[in-house]
Amino acid sequence: MENIPSNCHVSFITINYNSSHHTVTLVNSILAHTSMETNYEIIIVDNASEIDDFTNLENAVRQIQNITIIRNRINNGFAGGNMLGVNAAKGDYYFFINNDCKLLNDCATVMKNHMNARHAIAAVTAKVTDENGNFSSSYKQFPSVIKQWFGNSIHRLLSSTSFPSNKTVLTAPTAVEVISGSCMFFRAEDFCAIGGFDTVFFLYCEEEDICKRIWNYGKQIYFLPEAEVFHAGGGSSLRNIALEKEFYISYILLINKHFSFPGRFFIKMALLLKQFRRVFTKKDGLSIFLFVASGAPIRKSLRCKQLVKK
């Protein structure tokens, strides 16, 4: 399957986990929409899917020349799986895209050309739409004490930054604070210089972490509405209490990593009060409140329950 061009511009990297039908649709959209102007490779990391799903994937793409499939024997999650893909990547740019996405136009070329002309930009994302063609969240703001206590509206009024919130519909290339993990396009040089994704995060908050580190590194992040991607959402996982707990594990890790003691204290107190209110309104509210109150310990992560496939 491998026949990677020597001057590879873009490495598409995606993760398959028991959802090969989505992965095949993504691959077909890449083949259909990426112009000959952009030399590319496709790297699929199979995160220990069931053998039937992995076999379906292999059979569907075996005739495609510029694809590499990496069979992982353990589910390393989002960050770990993508970093495994980086090990094989040869492109000048890394295009991390969820397997339940598909390209709607030649967005890889749009993003590559935009960044070729602007070396200060280290990462961009596309305009992501849902099944109804409505604008989906491509960008958001990094957590803050003000936002955690008072919400986005007050945060926008009091914040010293001018980054748009995810409720702002942008129609021109715009600097944004955090881009969605479903569609992240990085300059490989900058991605590697900051160490890539932090694999301590298993499923959530990887994008907040790496975007924070890009801005700290002195580079910029942009949203490009000319590039268009469809995102189905939920392609590899179903929402349940285990995944909700996994989110809070990652969120607490993120807060501990990027905030000093006062910031950590006030954000965690606001989070705890929010979860206490949900005890009376949500089905699993008490369980989540007790989990957050216990510090959302990393030993409870789904990562710790992974088995090595033979």
Foldseek 3Di string as FASTA:
>chain_A
DEDADPAAAEEEEEEDAQQLVLLLQQVVLCVVAADPVGGYAYEYEYAQHDPVSVVVNCVSCVPPHRYHYHYAQWRLADQVRRVVSVVVDDHQKYKYAYSQKHWPHNQVVVVSVVCVVPVLAFKEFEQEAEPVRHTDQFAAAADFLCCLQPNDVVCCVPPPDNADHSVDDDDAKDFHQFGDSNTMMGRPVLCVVLPHFDSLQHYDDSRSVVSVSSVVVRGTYIYHHVTYMYGHPQSNHDDDPLVVLSHLLVVLVSCVVPDDPVGSVSSLVSVLVVLVVCVVPDPCSVVSSVCSVVVSDSCSHVSVVMDGHD
